[in-house]
N, C-alpha and C. Protein backbone atom coordinates (compact mmCIF):
# COMPACT_ATOMS: atom_id res chain seq x y z
N MET A 1 32.18 44.06 -32.84
CA MET A 1 30.76 44.31 -32.75
C MET A 1 30.43 44.88 -31.38
N PRO A 2 29.30 45.56 -31.25
CA PRO A 2 28.90 46.07 -29.95
C PRO A 2 28.55 44.93 -28.99
N PRO A 3 28.47 45.24 -27.70
CA PRO A 3 28.17 44.20 -26.71
C PRO A 3 26.84 43.50 -26.95
N LEU A 4 26.72 42.36 -26.29
CA LEU A 4 25.56 41.48 -26.41
C LEU A 4 24.23 42.22 -26.39
N GLU A 5 23.99 43.02 -25.37
CA GLU A 5 22.65 43.60 -25.25
C GLU A 5 22.37 44.68 -26.29
N THR A 6 23.38 45.26 -26.90
CA THR A 6 23.10 46.28 -27.91
C THR A 6 22.97 45.68 -29.29
N ARG A 7 23.25 44.39 -29.44
CA ARG A 7 23.11 43.74 -30.74
C ARG A 7 21.77 43.03 -30.87
N SER A 8 20.96 43.06 -29.84
CA SER A 8 19.67 42.40 -29.95
C SER A 8 18.63 43.25 -29.27
N LEU A 9 17.46 42.67 -29.14
CA LEU A 9 16.37 43.32 -28.42
C LEU A 9 16.03 44.70 -28.93
N GLN A 10 16.20 44.91 -30.20
CA GLN A 10 15.79 46.18 -30.77
C GLN A 10 14.73 45.89 -31.82
N SER A 11 13.63 46.59 -31.70
CA SER A 11 12.55 46.38 -32.66
C SER A 11 12.93 47.00 -33.99
N GLU A 12 12.13 46.74 -34.99
CA GLU A 12 12.39 47.31 -36.31
C GLU A 12 12.40 48.84 -36.25
N SER A 13 11.68 49.42 -35.30
CA SER A 13 11.64 50.88 -35.20
C SER A 13 12.83 51.43 -34.43
N GLY A 14 13.65 50.53 -33.84
CA GLY A 14 14.83 50.98 -33.13
C GLY A 14 14.62 51.14 -31.64
N SER A 15 13.43 50.89 -31.15
CA SER A 15 13.18 51.04 -29.72
C SER A 15 13.30 49.68 -29.04
N PRO A 16 13.57 49.67 -27.72
CA PRO A 16 13.64 48.39 -27.03
C PRO A 16 12.34 47.61 -27.21
N ALA A 17 12.47 46.32 -27.39
CA ALA A 17 11.31 45.50 -27.69
C ALA A 17 10.81 44.75 -26.47
N THR A 18 10.97 45.33 -25.33
CA THR A 18 10.47 44.71 -24.11
C THR A 18 9.71 45.75 -23.34
N THR A 19 8.77 45.31 -22.54
CA THR A 19 7.96 46.25 -21.80
C THR A 19 8.63 46.61 -20.49
N GLY A 20 9.02 47.88 -20.35
CA GLY A 20 9.54 48.39 -19.11
C GLY A 20 10.96 47.99 -18.77
N GLN A 21 11.67 47.36 -19.68
CA GLN A 21 13.05 46.98 -19.41
C GLN A 21 13.95 47.49 -20.52
N THR A 22 15.13 47.96 -20.14
CA THR A 22 16.10 48.31 -21.16
C THR A 22 16.83 47.06 -21.58
N ARG A 23 17.54 47.15 -22.68
CA ARG A 23 18.33 46.00 -23.13
C ARG A 23 19.33 45.59 -22.06
N THR A 24 20.01 46.56 -21.45
CA THR A 24 21.00 46.24 -20.42
C THR A 24 20.36 45.54 -19.24
N ASP A 25 19.17 45.99 -18.80
CA ASP A 25 18.47 45.32 -17.69
C ASP A 25 18.22 43.86 -18.01
N ARG A 26 17.74 43.57 -19.21
CA ARG A 26 17.41 42.19 -19.57
C ARG A 26 18.64 41.31 -19.60
N TYR A 27 19.77 41.84 -20.00
CA TYR A 27 20.97 41.02 -20.12
C TYR A 27 21.85 41.02 -18.88
N GLN A 28 21.47 41.76 -17.85
CA GLN A 28 22.26 41.76 -16.61
C GLN A 28 22.34 40.35 -16.03
N VAL A 29 21.27 39.59 -16.09
CA VAL A 29 21.28 38.23 -15.56
C VAL A 29 22.30 37.36 -16.29
N VAL A 30 22.48 37.56 -17.59
CA VAL A 30 23.49 36.81 -18.34
C VAL A 30 24.87 37.19 -17.83
N ARG A 31 25.10 38.47 -17.67
CA ARG A 31 26.40 38.94 -17.19
C ARG A 31 26.69 38.46 -15.77
N GLU A 32 25.66 38.25 -14.97
CA GLU A 32 25.85 37.76 -13.61
C GLU A 32 26.19 36.27 -13.58
N HIS A 33 25.74 35.50 -14.56
CA HIS A 33 25.93 34.06 -14.56
C HIS A 33 27.14 33.59 -15.36
N LEU A 34 27.62 34.38 -16.27
CA LEU A 34 28.74 33.96 -17.11
C LEU A 34 30.02 34.69 -16.69
N ALA A 35 31.13 33.99 -16.83
CA ALA A 35 32.43 34.56 -16.48
C ALA A 35 32.74 35.77 -17.37
N PRO A 36 33.41 36.77 -16.82
CA PRO A 36 33.75 37.96 -17.62
C PRO A 36 34.52 37.64 -18.90
N GLY A 37 35.42 36.67 -18.84
CA GLY A 37 36.16 36.29 -20.05
C GLY A 37 35.26 35.76 -21.13
N LEU A 38 34.26 34.98 -20.75
CA LEU A 38 33.30 34.46 -21.73
C LEU A 38 32.45 35.59 -22.29
N ILE A 39 32.02 36.50 -21.46
CA ILE A 39 31.24 37.65 -21.95
C ILE A 39 32.05 38.45 -22.97
N ARG A 40 33.33 38.66 -22.70
CA ARG A 40 34.18 39.40 -23.66
C ARG A 40 34.25 38.65 -24.99
N LEU A 41 34.36 37.32 -24.95
CA LEU A 41 34.41 36.54 -26.19
C LEU A 41 33.09 36.63 -26.95
N ILE A 42 31.97 36.60 -26.24
CA ILE A 42 30.67 36.75 -26.89
C ILE A 42 30.55 38.14 -27.51
N ASP A 43 30.94 39.16 -26.73
CA ASP A 43 30.84 40.54 -27.21
C ASP A 43 31.70 40.80 -28.45
N SER A 44 32.82 40.10 -28.56
CA SER A 44 33.73 40.34 -29.68
C SER A 44 33.51 39.38 -30.85
N ALA A 45 32.61 38.43 -30.69
CA ALA A 45 32.37 37.44 -31.75
C ALA A 45 31.73 38.09 -32.97
N GLU A 46 32.09 37.57 -34.12
CA GLU A 46 31.47 38.00 -35.36
C GLU A 46 30.07 37.42 -35.44
N MET A 47 29.14 38.20 -35.97
CA MET A 47 27.77 37.72 -36.10
C MET A 47 27.75 36.49 -37.01
N PRO A 48 27.10 35.40 -36.56
CA PRO A 48 27.09 34.18 -37.38
C PRO A 48 26.38 34.38 -38.71
N ASP A 49 26.90 33.67 -39.72
CA ASP A 49 26.22 33.63 -41.01
C ASP A 49 25.00 32.72 -40.90
N LEU A 50 24.25 32.63 -41.97
CA LEU A 50 23.10 31.74 -41.98
C LEU A 50 23.54 30.28 -42.13
N ASP A 51 24.80 30.08 -42.44
CA ASP A 51 25.32 28.72 -42.54
C ASP A 51 26.33 28.49 -41.40
N GLU A 52 27.30 27.62 -41.60
CA GLU A 52 28.22 27.24 -40.54
C GLU A 52 29.09 28.38 -40.03
N GLY A 53 29.54 29.23 -40.90
CA GLY A 53 30.55 30.22 -40.53
C GLY A 53 30.03 31.38 -39.73
N PRO A 54 30.89 32.25 -39.36
CA PRO A 54 32.34 32.13 -39.38
C PRO A 54 32.84 31.36 -38.15
N ARG A 55 34.04 30.86 -38.25
CA ARG A 55 34.66 30.19 -37.10
C ARG A 55 35.17 31.24 -36.13
N ASN A 56 35.06 30.96 -34.86
CA ASN A 56 35.55 31.85 -33.82
C ASN A 56 36.54 31.04 -32.97
N PRO A 57 37.83 31.01 -33.39
CA PRO A 57 38.82 30.17 -32.72
C PRO A 57 39.01 30.50 -31.24
N ALA A 58 38.97 31.78 -30.88
CA ALA A 58 39.18 32.15 -29.47
C ALA A 58 38.06 31.58 -28.59
N LEU A 59 36.81 31.66 -29.06
CA LEU A 59 35.70 31.10 -28.29
C LEU A 59 35.79 29.58 -28.26
N ALA A 60 36.12 28.95 -29.37
CA ALA A 60 36.27 27.49 -29.39
C ALA A 60 37.34 27.04 -28.42
N ASP A 61 38.46 27.74 -28.40
CA ASP A 61 39.54 27.40 -27.46
C ASP A 61 39.06 27.50 -26.02
N TYR A 62 38.33 28.58 -25.72
CA TYR A 62 37.78 28.76 -24.38
C TYR A 62 36.83 27.61 -24.02
N LEU A 63 35.98 27.23 -24.95
CA LEU A 63 35.02 26.17 -24.67
C LEU A 63 35.72 24.83 -24.43
N PHE A 64 36.78 24.56 -25.19
CA PHE A 64 37.53 23.32 -24.99
C PHE A 64 38.25 23.31 -23.65
N LYS A 65 38.87 24.44 -23.29
CA LYS A 65 39.77 24.45 -22.13
C LYS A 65 39.15 24.95 -20.84
N ASP A 66 38.32 25.97 -20.91
CA ASP A 66 37.95 26.71 -19.71
C ASP A 66 36.47 26.76 -19.37
N PHE A 67 35.60 26.25 -20.22
CA PHE A 67 34.17 26.46 -19.99
C PHE A 67 33.70 25.93 -18.66
N GLN A 68 33.91 24.66 -18.38
CA GLN A 68 33.38 24.07 -17.15
C GLN A 68 33.99 24.70 -15.90
N SER A 69 35.27 25.02 -15.95
CA SER A 69 35.93 25.51 -14.75
C SER A 69 35.73 26.99 -14.49
N SER A 70 35.63 27.79 -15.55
CA SER A 70 35.62 29.23 -15.31
C SER A 70 34.36 29.96 -15.75
N ALA A 71 33.47 29.30 -16.43
CA ALA A 71 32.29 30.02 -16.92
C ALA A 71 31.25 30.24 -15.84
N GLY A 72 31.39 29.56 -14.71
CA GLY A 72 30.44 29.73 -13.63
C GLY A 72 29.16 28.96 -13.84
N LEU A 73 29.20 27.92 -14.66
CA LEU A 73 27.97 27.22 -15.02
C LEU A 73 27.98 25.74 -14.69
N SER A 74 29.00 25.26 -14.03
CA SER A 74 29.11 23.81 -13.85
C SER A 74 27.89 23.21 -13.16
N SER A 75 27.24 23.96 -12.28
CA SER A 75 26.06 23.42 -11.60
C SER A 75 24.74 24.00 -12.12
N HIS A 76 24.80 24.82 -13.16
CA HIS A 76 23.59 25.42 -13.72
C HIS A 76 22.77 24.34 -14.42
N PRO A 77 21.44 24.31 -14.20
CA PRO A 77 20.62 23.27 -14.84
C PRO A 77 20.63 23.30 -16.36
N SER A 78 21.01 24.40 -16.95
CA SER A 78 21.04 24.52 -18.41
C SER A 78 22.47 24.54 -18.95
N ALA A 79 23.43 24.04 -18.20
CA ALA A 79 24.83 24.10 -18.63
C ALA A 79 25.03 23.46 -20.00
N GLU A 80 24.41 22.30 -20.24
CA GLU A 80 24.56 21.62 -21.53
C GLU A 80 23.93 22.44 -22.66
N LEU A 81 22.77 23.02 -22.42
CA LEU A 81 22.14 23.87 -23.44
C LEU A 81 23.02 25.07 -23.76
N ILE A 82 23.54 25.70 -22.73
CA ILE A 82 24.38 26.88 -22.92
C ILE A 82 25.65 26.51 -23.68
N LEU A 83 26.26 25.40 -23.32
CA LEU A 83 27.47 24.96 -24.01
C LEU A 83 27.19 24.68 -25.49
N SER A 84 26.14 23.94 -25.78
CA SER A 84 25.77 23.66 -27.16
C SER A 84 25.51 24.96 -27.93
N HIS A 85 24.85 25.88 -27.27
CA HIS A 85 24.52 27.18 -27.87
C HIS A 85 25.79 27.98 -28.18
N LEU A 86 26.74 27.95 -27.26
CA LEU A 86 28.00 28.66 -27.47
C LEU A 86 28.80 28.05 -28.62
N TRP A 87 28.71 26.72 -28.79
CA TRP A 87 29.38 26.10 -29.93
C TRP A 87 28.81 26.63 -31.25
N LEU A 88 27.52 26.97 -31.29
CA LEU A 88 26.96 27.57 -32.50
C LEU A 88 27.65 28.90 -32.81
N LEU A 89 27.85 29.71 -31.77
CA LEU A 89 28.53 31.00 -31.96
C LEU A 89 29.98 30.79 -32.35
N ALA A 90 30.59 29.74 -31.84
CA ALA A 90 31.98 29.44 -32.20
C ALA A 90 32.09 28.93 -33.65
N GLY A 91 30.95 28.61 -34.26
CA GLY A 91 30.94 28.14 -35.64
C GLY A 91 31.26 26.66 -35.77
N ASP A 92 31.11 25.91 -34.68
CA ASP A 92 31.40 24.48 -34.70
C ASP A 92 30.08 23.73 -34.51
N LEU A 93 29.41 23.48 -35.63
CA LEU A 93 28.10 22.85 -35.58
C LEU A 93 28.18 21.40 -35.11
N ASP A 94 29.29 20.73 -35.38
CA ASP A 94 29.42 19.34 -34.94
C ASP A 94 29.39 19.23 -33.42
N HIS A 95 30.15 20.10 -32.74
CA HIS A 95 30.13 20.07 -31.27
C HIS A 95 28.75 20.44 -30.73
N SER A 96 28.13 21.43 -31.33
CA SER A 96 26.79 21.83 -30.90
C SER A 96 25.82 20.66 -31.07
N HIS A 97 25.90 20.00 -32.21
CA HIS A 97 25.00 18.89 -32.52
C HIS A 97 25.20 17.73 -31.56
N GLU A 98 26.45 17.41 -31.28
CA GLU A 98 26.76 16.31 -30.37
C GLU A 98 26.07 16.50 -29.01
N ILE A 99 26.00 17.73 -28.56
CA ILE A 99 25.38 18.02 -27.27
C ILE A 99 23.86 18.13 -27.39
N SER A 100 23.39 18.91 -28.37
CA SER A 100 21.95 19.18 -28.44
C SER A 100 21.13 17.93 -28.71
N GLN A 101 21.69 16.97 -29.44
CA GLN A 101 20.91 15.76 -29.73
C GLN A 101 20.72 14.88 -28.50
N ARG A 102 21.49 15.12 -27.44
CA ARG A 102 21.34 14.36 -26.19
C ARG A 102 20.32 15.00 -25.24
N ILE A 103 19.89 16.21 -25.54
CA ILE A 103 19.01 16.94 -24.62
C ILE A 103 17.56 16.70 -25.06
N GLY A 104 16.81 15.99 -24.26
CA GLY A 104 15.47 15.56 -24.65
C GLY A 104 14.35 16.56 -24.39
N SER A 105 14.68 17.75 -23.95
CA SER A 105 13.65 18.76 -23.64
C SER A 105 13.23 19.54 -24.88
N ALA A 106 12.19 20.35 -24.72
CA ALA A 106 11.76 21.25 -25.81
C ALA A 106 12.89 22.23 -26.15
N ASP A 107 13.61 22.71 -25.14
CA ASP A 107 14.74 23.60 -25.40
C ASP A 107 15.81 22.90 -26.23
N GLY A 108 16.10 21.64 -25.89
CA GLY A 108 17.08 20.88 -26.65
C GLY A 108 16.64 20.68 -28.09
N SER A 109 15.37 20.39 -28.30
CA SER A 109 14.84 20.22 -29.65
C SER A 109 14.92 21.52 -30.44
N PHE A 110 14.60 22.65 -29.80
CA PHE A 110 14.66 23.94 -30.49
C PHE A 110 16.11 24.23 -30.90
N LEU A 111 17.04 24.02 -29.98
CA LEU A 111 18.45 24.26 -30.28
C LEU A 111 18.94 23.33 -31.37
N HIS A 112 18.49 22.09 -31.34
CA HIS A 112 18.82 21.10 -32.38
C HIS A 112 18.32 21.61 -33.74
N GLY A 113 17.13 22.19 -33.75
CA GLY A 113 16.59 22.77 -34.99
C GLY A 113 17.43 23.92 -35.50
N VAL A 114 17.89 24.78 -34.61
CA VAL A 114 18.74 25.90 -35.02
C VAL A 114 20.02 25.37 -35.67
N MET A 115 20.62 24.36 -35.05
CA MET A 115 21.85 23.79 -35.58
C MET A 115 21.63 23.24 -36.99
N HIS A 116 20.53 22.49 -37.20
CA HIS A 116 20.26 21.94 -38.54
C HIS A 116 19.95 23.04 -39.55
N ARG A 117 19.29 24.11 -39.12
CA ARG A 117 19.05 25.24 -40.03
C ARG A 117 20.37 25.85 -40.47
N ARG A 118 21.30 26.02 -39.53
CA ARG A 118 22.60 26.59 -39.85
C ARG A 118 23.40 25.70 -40.79
N GLU A 119 23.25 24.38 -40.69
CA GLU A 119 24.01 23.50 -41.56
C GLU A 119 23.34 23.33 -42.93
N GLY A 120 22.16 23.93 -43.10
CA GLY A 120 21.47 23.86 -44.38
C GLY A 120 20.56 22.66 -44.54
N ASP A 121 20.33 21.91 -43.48
CA ASP A 121 19.42 20.76 -43.51
C ASP A 121 18.04 21.27 -43.07
N PHE A 122 17.39 21.99 -43.96
CA PHE A 122 16.18 22.73 -43.61
C PHE A 122 15.00 21.83 -43.23
N GLY A 123 14.83 20.71 -43.90
CA GLY A 123 13.75 19.79 -43.55
C GLY A 123 13.93 19.23 -42.14
N ASN A 124 15.15 18.84 -41.81
CA ASN A 124 15.44 18.32 -40.48
C ASN A 124 15.26 19.41 -39.43
N ALA A 125 15.65 20.63 -39.75
CA ALA A 125 15.46 21.75 -38.82
C ALA A 125 13.98 21.91 -38.49
N LYS A 126 13.14 21.87 -39.51
CA LYS A 126 11.70 22.03 -39.27
C LYS A 126 11.15 20.88 -38.44
N TYR A 127 11.66 19.68 -38.65
CA TYR A 127 11.25 18.53 -37.83
C TYR A 127 11.53 18.81 -36.35
N TRP A 128 12.75 19.29 -36.04
CA TRP A 128 13.10 19.55 -34.64
C TRP A 128 12.31 20.72 -34.07
N PHE A 129 12.01 21.73 -34.88
CA PHE A 129 11.18 22.83 -34.39
C PHE A 129 9.75 22.35 -34.10
N ARG A 130 9.24 21.45 -34.93
CA ARG A 130 7.91 20.89 -34.65
C ARG A 130 7.94 20.08 -33.34
N ARG A 131 9.02 19.34 -33.14
CA ARG A 131 9.15 18.56 -31.89
C ARG A 131 9.20 19.46 -30.67
N SER A 132 9.81 20.62 -30.78
CA SER A 132 9.94 21.51 -29.62
C SER A 132 8.62 22.19 -29.28
N GLY A 133 7.73 22.33 -30.26
CA GLY A 133 6.48 23.06 -30.02
C GLY A 133 6.75 24.56 -29.95
N ALA A 134 5.75 25.30 -29.54
CA ALA A 134 5.91 26.76 -29.41
C ALA A 134 6.97 27.03 -28.34
N HIS A 135 7.93 27.86 -28.68
CA HIS A 135 9.04 28.13 -27.77
C HIS A 135 8.91 29.54 -27.20
N PRO A 136 9.31 29.75 -25.95
CA PRO A 136 9.17 31.07 -25.32
C PRO A 136 9.89 32.22 -26.02
N VAL A 137 10.91 31.94 -26.83
CA VAL A 137 11.59 33.04 -27.51
C VAL A 137 10.83 33.52 -28.74
N GLU A 138 9.92 32.71 -29.26
CA GLU A 138 9.24 33.09 -30.50
C GLU A 138 8.41 34.36 -30.38
N PRO A 139 7.61 34.56 -29.34
CA PRO A 139 6.87 35.82 -29.25
C PRO A 139 7.78 37.05 -29.17
N ILE A 140 8.92 36.90 -28.52
CA ILE A 140 9.86 38.01 -28.41
C ILE A 140 10.44 38.32 -29.79
N LEU A 141 10.78 37.30 -30.54
CA LEU A 141 11.33 37.51 -31.88
C LEU A 141 10.28 38.13 -32.81
N ARG A 142 9.02 37.73 -32.65
CA ARG A 142 7.95 38.36 -33.45
C ARG A 142 7.83 39.84 -33.10
N GLU A 143 8.02 40.18 -31.84
CA GLU A 143 7.94 41.58 -31.42
C GLU A 143 9.13 42.39 -31.95
N ILE A 144 10.31 41.79 -31.89
CA ILE A 144 11.51 42.49 -32.34
C ILE A 144 11.54 42.63 -33.86
N HIS A 145 11.12 41.59 -34.56
CA HIS A 145 11.20 41.55 -36.03
C HIS A 145 9.84 41.17 -36.64
N PRO A 146 8.83 42.02 -36.46
CA PRO A 146 7.47 41.65 -36.88
C PRO A 146 7.31 41.41 -38.38
N ASP A 147 8.14 42.02 -39.19
CA ASP A 147 8.01 41.85 -40.63
C ASP A 147 8.76 40.64 -41.17
N VAL A 148 9.56 40.00 -40.32
CA VAL A 148 10.42 38.91 -40.79
C VAL A 148 10.16 37.60 -40.06
N TYR A 149 9.89 37.67 -38.76
CA TYR A 149 9.79 36.44 -37.97
C TYR A 149 8.35 36.16 -37.58
N ALA A 150 7.83 35.03 -38.05
CA ALA A 150 6.50 34.58 -37.65
C ALA A 150 6.60 33.42 -36.66
N ASP A 151 7.44 32.45 -37.00
CA ASP A 151 7.71 31.32 -36.12
C ASP A 151 8.96 30.62 -36.66
N ALA A 152 9.46 29.63 -35.91
CA ALA A 152 10.72 28.98 -36.29
C ALA A 152 10.64 28.29 -37.66
N PRO A 153 9.60 27.50 -37.96
CA PRO A 153 9.57 26.85 -39.28
C PRO A 153 9.51 27.84 -40.45
N THR A 154 8.78 28.92 -40.29
CA THR A 154 8.71 29.94 -41.34
C THR A 154 10.06 30.62 -41.52
N PHE A 155 10.76 30.84 -40.41
CA PHE A 155 12.10 31.43 -40.49
C PHE A 155 13.07 30.48 -41.20
N VAL A 156 12.91 29.19 -41.01
CA VAL A 156 13.72 28.20 -41.72
C VAL A 156 13.52 28.40 -43.23
N ASP A 157 12.27 28.52 -43.66
CA ASP A 157 11.98 28.72 -45.08
C ASP A 157 12.64 29.99 -45.61
N ALA A 158 12.56 31.08 -44.83
CA ALA A 158 13.17 32.34 -45.26
C ALA A 158 14.68 32.20 -45.39
N CYS A 159 15.31 31.52 -44.43
CA CYS A 159 16.76 31.31 -44.49
C CYS A 159 17.12 30.45 -45.70
N GLY A 160 16.36 29.42 -45.96
CA GLY A 160 16.61 28.57 -47.12
C GLY A 160 16.54 29.36 -48.42
N GLN A 161 15.53 30.21 -48.54
CA GLN A 161 15.39 31.03 -49.74
C GLN A 161 16.55 32.01 -49.88
N ALA A 162 16.98 32.60 -48.75
CA ALA A 162 18.09 33.56 -48.80
C ALA A 162 19.40 32.87 -49.17
N VAL A 163 19.63 31.71 -48.61
CA VAL A 163 20.86 30.96 -48.92
C VAL A 163 20.90 30.59 -50.40
N ARG A 164 19.75 30.28 -50.96
CA ARG A 164 19.67 29.95 -52.40
C ARG A 164 19.60 31.20 -53.27
N GLY A 165 19.58 32.38 -52.66
CA GLY A 165 19.53 33.63 -53.40
C GLY A 165 18.16 33.97 -53.96
N GLU A 166 17.10 33.38 -53.41
CA GLU A 166 15.76 33.56 -53.95
C GLU A 166 14.97 34.71 -53.33
N ASP A 167 15.31 35.10 -52.11
CA ASP A 167 14.45 36.04 -51.42
C ASP A 167 15.19 36.68 -50.26
N LEU A 168 14.61 37.69 -49.68
CA LEU A 168 15.08 38.40 -48.50
C LEU A 168 16.59 38.55 -48.38
N SER A 169 16.96 39.64 -47.83
CA SER A 169 18.36 39.95 -47.62
C SER A 169 18.97 39.03 -46.57
N LYS A 170 20.12 38.47 -46.89
CA LYS A 170 20.83 37.65 -45.91
C LYS A 170 21.17 38.46 -44.67
N GLU A 171 21.53 39.72 -44.86
CA GLU A 171 21.90 40.56 -43.70
C GLU A 171 20.73 40.74 -42.75
N THR A 172 19.54 40.96 -43.29
CA THR A 172 18.36 41.08 -42.44
C THR A 172 18.15 39.80 -41.64
N LEU A 173 18.25 38.66 -42.30
CA LEU A 173 18.04 37.39 -41.63
C LEU A 173 19.14 37.10 -40.63
N LYS A 174 20.37 37.53 -40.90
CA LYS A 174 21.45 37.37 -39.93
C LYS A 174 21.14 38.14 -38.65
N HIS A 175 20.56 39.32 -38.78
CA HIS A 175 20.20 40.11 -37.60
C HIS A 175 19.09 39.42 -36.80
N VAL A 176 18.13 38.84 -37.50
CA VAL A 176 17.08 38.10 -36.82
C VAL A 176 17.68 36.89 -36.12
N GLN A 177 18.56 36.19 -36.81
CA GLN A 177 19.22 35.02 -36.22
C GLN A 177 20.03 35.42 -34.99
N TRP A 178 20.69 36.61 -35.04
CA TRP A 178 21.44 37.07 -33.87
C TRP A 178 20.50 37.36 -32.70
N SER A 179 19.37 37.97 -32.98
CA SER A 179 18.38 38.20 -31.92
C SER A 179 17.95 36.87 -31.32
N GLU A 180 17.73 35.89 -32.18
CA GLU A 180 17.36 34.56 -31.71
C GLU A 180 18.45 33.99 -30.81
N TRP A 181 19.71 34.13 -31.21
CA TRP A 181 20.82 33.61 -30.41
C TRP A 181 20.83 34.27 -29.03
N CYS A 182 20.71 35.59 -29.01
CA CYS A 182 20.74 36.32 -27.74
C CYS A 182 19.56 35.95 -26.86
N GLU A 183 18.38 35.87 -27.44
CA GLU A 183 17.19 35.52 -26.66
C GLU A 183 17.27 34.09 -26.12
N LEU A 184 17.81 33.16 -26.91
CA LEU A 184 17.98 31.80 -26.41
C LEU A 184 18.97 31.76 -25.26
N LEU A 185 20.07 32.49 -25.36
CA LEU A 185 21.03 32.53 -24.26
C LEU A 185 20.36 33.06 -23.00
N LEU A 186 19.63 34.13 -23.13
CA LEU A 186 18.92 34.69 -21.98
C LEU A 186 17.93 33.68 -21.41
N HIS A 187 17.19 33.00 -22.27
CA HIS A 187 16.23 32.00 -21.83
C HIS A 187 16.94 30.86 -21.09
N PHE A 188 18.03 30.34 -21.64
CA PHE A 188 18.74 29.22 -21.01
C PHE A 188 19.31 29.62 -19.66
N VAL A 189 19.85 30.81 -19.55
CA VAL A 189 20.39 31.29 -18.27
C VAL A 189 19.28 31.45 -17.24
N ASN A 190 18.10 31.87 -17.70
CA ASN A 190 16.97 32.11 -16.79
C ASN A 190 16.18 30.88 -16.43
N VAL A 191 16.48 29.73 -17.01
CA VAL A 191 15.67 28.53 -16.80
C VAL A 191 15.48 28.21 -15.33
N SER A 192 16.49 28.38 -14.52
CA SER A 192 16.39 27.99 -13.11
C SER A 192 15.88 29.12 -12.22
N ARG A 193 15.62 30.28 -12.76
CA ARG A 193 15.22 31.43 -11.93
C ARG A 193 13.74 31.42 -11.66
């Protein structure tokens, strides 16, 4: 797949969905905070399905062995959020859940909701999204995907319908979910800035 910044931040019309910034500008901060090896693993990862899959063994191996020492995040205030978030991309919802349920912030609750949505526990996902309240990534996602994304609970409903084969294209929702993943990573990296 193309690199991180070219897989997200594109509006439905194909233009950058940010005011006065290119996709590369917005993601430069991520590239500055994460180790090059981790960036390569993110860039080469398969786009996550609406459920648990696919597994990304290379990223999982990196997270088990090298994350704390080489990712450049050991002292970052959002290290736990970022680690839990990366486990979602690795396709290991159990590891993501183990971490996100310990994080008592609105960001932790939002991430916890994403994890439950991916595992198909849609009611629980909506509970965690309600607990998080309005999240800073939601307006960006509405701008990028105005015809699909209204808010996190509504997106949960759309994913549930797609998984059951009732509505909307799974591929469209996977792209929205990828934008969400990228925007959350950017948000977590920027928390201390």
